[in-house]
Amino acid sequence: GVKNLQGCMPPLEKYMTHFFGLWQNLVNIHHLVKPKLTIVDALVAQEGFGPVYGEPKEMGLLIAGDNPVAVDAVCMRIMGLKPTDSPAVYLAYIQGIGPIEEENIEVVGNSIEEVRSPFLLPEINLSNGPHF
């Protein structure tokens, strides 16, 4: 949800945000543009080292809400993660864009517990990198 609005940026500016505070720039967009609806197509998700080397994961879910931070918080809990694990989601939360606390998010339909399916996380290995 929080990253969705990056698609609103012109290509050069979108590219440059990766070098000048990506997480805060994603949140900055939300201070200007207030999406009315955030939809996550999680019919088939991806786990592991995506987007190129990830593995498909059948979830059969569509997740939607009127706040991108709340939607991301729900998605992260379904994946077995904490919303504070995402720098963009946490920054958006502390800057008042939306809630991450379970008690402040209304879930309609299946509960998070009913659909929770922990995701495999990417394996980060820097052993072949430069030695300093």
Protein backbone atom coordinates (compact mmCIF):
# COMPACT_ATOMS: atom_id res chain seq x y z
CA GLY A 1 0.00 0.00 0.00
CA VAL A 2 2.58 2.59 1.05
CA LYS A 3 4.83 1.82 -1.93
CA ASN A 4 1.93 1.89 -4.44
CA LEU A 5 2.06 5.66 -4.86
CA GLN A 6 5.64 5.52 -6.08
CA GLY A 7 4.05 4.75 -9.44
CA CYS A 8 2.69 8.33 -9.47
CA MET A 9 6.19 9.73 -9.80
CA PRO A 10 7.87 10.57 -13.11
CA PRO A 11 10.52 7.97 -14.06
CA LEU A 12 13.61 10.05 -13.23
CA GLU A 13 12.28 11.15 -9.84
CA LYS A 14 11.22 7.58 -9.04
CA TYR A 15 14.73 6.36 -9.89
CA MET A 16 16.39 9.09 -7.82
CA THR A 17 14.38 8.28 -4.68
CA HIS A 18 16.38 5.07 -4.38
CA PHE A 19 19.48 7.16 -3.70
CA PHE A 20 18.00 9.94 -1.56
CA GLY A 21 15.96 8.46 1.27
CA LEU A 22 13.65 5.93 -0.40
CA TRP A 23 11.57 5.20 2.70
CA GLN A 24 10.98 8.83 3.64
CA ASN A 25 10.24 9.74 0.02
CA LEU A 26 7.53 7.06 -0.10
CA VAL A 27 5.98 8.58 3.03
CA ASN A 28 6.32 12.13 1.65
CA ILE A 29 4.06 11.21 -1.26
CA HIS A 30 1.37 10.17 1.24
CA HIS A 31 1.54 13.56 2.92
CA LEU A 32 0.47 15.04 -0.44
CA VAL A 33 -1.74 12.35 -1.98
CA LYS A 34 -4.37 10.63 0.17
CA PRO A 35 -5.51 7.40 -1.53
CA LYS A 36 -9.16 6.53 -0.91
CA LEU A 37 -8.68 2.82 -1.59
CA THR A 38 -5.74 0.44 -1.39
CA ILE A 39 -6.10 -3.04 -2.91
CA VAL A 40 -3.60 -5.89 -2.57
CA ASP A 41 -3.96 -8.77 -5.02
CA ALA A 42 -2.68 -11.67 -2.94
CA LEU A 43 -4.33 -14.45 -4.91
CA VAL A 44 -0.78 -15.56 -5.64
CA ALA A 45 1.94 -13.81 -3.64
CA GLN A 46 5.71 -14.12 -3.80
CA GLU A 47 8.08 -15.14 -1.05
CA GLY A 48 11.83 -15.38 -0.83
CA PHE A 49 14.17 -13.23 -2.86
CA GLY A 50 11.83 -11.33 -5.19
CA PRO A 51 10.96 -9.89 -7.50
CA VAL A 52 13.16 -11.91 -9.87
CA TYR A 53 14.08 -15.02 -7.86
CA GLY A 54 11.09 -15.30 -5.53
CA GLU A 55 8.75 -18.27 -5.41
CA PRO A 56 4.98 -18.07 -6.00
CA LYS A 57 2.84 -18.69 -2.93
CA GLU A 58 -0.87 -19.45 -3.31
CA MET A 59 -2.79 -17.28 -0.85
CA GLY A 60 -6.21 -16.81 -2.44
CA LEU A 61 -6.65 -13.39 -0.83
CA LEU A 62 -7.76 -9.94 -1.86
CA ILE A 63 -7.03 -7.35 0.82
CA ALA A 64 -8.45 -3.84 0.64
CA GLY A 65 -8.90 -0.84 2.86
CA ASP A 66 -9.17 2.91 3.01
CA ASN A 67 -5.71 3.40 4.57
CA PRO A 68 -2.49 2.10 2.96
CA VAL A 69 -0.63 1.82 6.28
CA ALA A 70 -3.40 -0.28 7.83
CA VAL A 71 -3.57 -2.48 4.72
CA ASP A 72 0.20 -3.03 4.83
CA ALA A 73 0.04 -3.81 8.57
CA VAL A 74 -2.62 -6.47 7.94
CA CYS A 75 -0.62 -7.95 5.03
CA MET A 76 2.55 -8.08 7.10
CA ARG A 77 0.80 -9.87 9.95
CA ILE A 78 -0.65 -12.39 7.49
CA MET A 79 2.92 -12.97 6.27
CA GLY A 80 4.14 -13.57 9.83
CA LEU A 81 5.94 -10.21 10.07
CA LYS A 82 5.56 -7.20 12.34
CA PRO A 83 4.52 -3.91 10.72
CA THR A 84 7.53 -2.28 12.37
CA ASP A 85 9.78 -4.55 10.26
CA SER A 86 9.09 -2.33 7.23
CA PRO A 87 10.88 1.03 7.34
CA ALA A 88 8.30 2.64 5.04
CA VAL A 89 5.30 1.38 7.01
CA TYR A 90 6.85 2.35 10.34
CA LEU A 91 7.81 5.84 9.13
CA ALA A 92 4.30 6.37 7.74
CA TYR A 93 2.83 5.25 11.06
CA ILE A 94 4.98 7.52 13.25
CA GLN A 95 4.21 10.43 10.93
CA GLY A 96 0.47 9.91 11.37
CA ILE A 97 -0.43 8.50 7.95
CA GLY A 98 -2.23 5.48 9.42
CA PRO A 99 -2.47 2.89 12.20
CA ILE A 100 -0.51 -0.33 12.63
CA GLU A 101 -1.99 -1.48 15.97
CA GLU A 102 -4.33 -4.45 15.57
CA GLU A 103 -6.91 -2.87 17.88
CA ASN A 104 -7.08 0.21 15.63
CA ILE A 105 -7.68 -1.69 12.38
CA GLU A 106 -11.07 -3.18 11.56
CA VAL A 107 -10.75 -6.48 9.71
CA VAL A 108 -13.89 -7.61 7.87
CA GLY A 109 -14.11 -11.18 6.62
CA ASN A 110 -11.59 -13.83 7.64
CA SER A 111 -9.44 -12.92 10.63
CA ILE A 112 -5.70 -12.52 10.28
CA GLU A 113 -5.25 -15.71 12.31
CA GLU A 114 -7.45 -17.68 9.89
CA VAL A 115 -5.34 -16.74 6.86
CA ARG A 116 -1.88 -16.31 8.43
CA SER A 117 0.78 -18.10 6.43
CA PRO A 118 4.37 -17.17 7.33
CA PHE A 119 6.51 -16.28 4.33
CA LEU A 120 10.05 -17.40 3.61
CA LEU A 121 12.26 -14.32 3.86
CA PRO A 122 15.04 -13.56 1.40
CA GLU A 123 18.42 -14.91 2.37
CA ILE A 124 20.90 -12.07 2.43
CA ASN A 125 24.50 -13.22 1.98
CA LEU A 126 27.25 -10.62 1.73
CA SER A 127 30.14 -13.08 2.02
CA ASN A 128 31.13 -12.59 -1.64
CA GLY A 129 31.16 -8.81 -1.37
CA PRO A 130 34.18 -6.52 -1.08
CA HIS A 131 36.39 -6.81 2.00
CA PHE A 132 37.01 -3.54 3.80
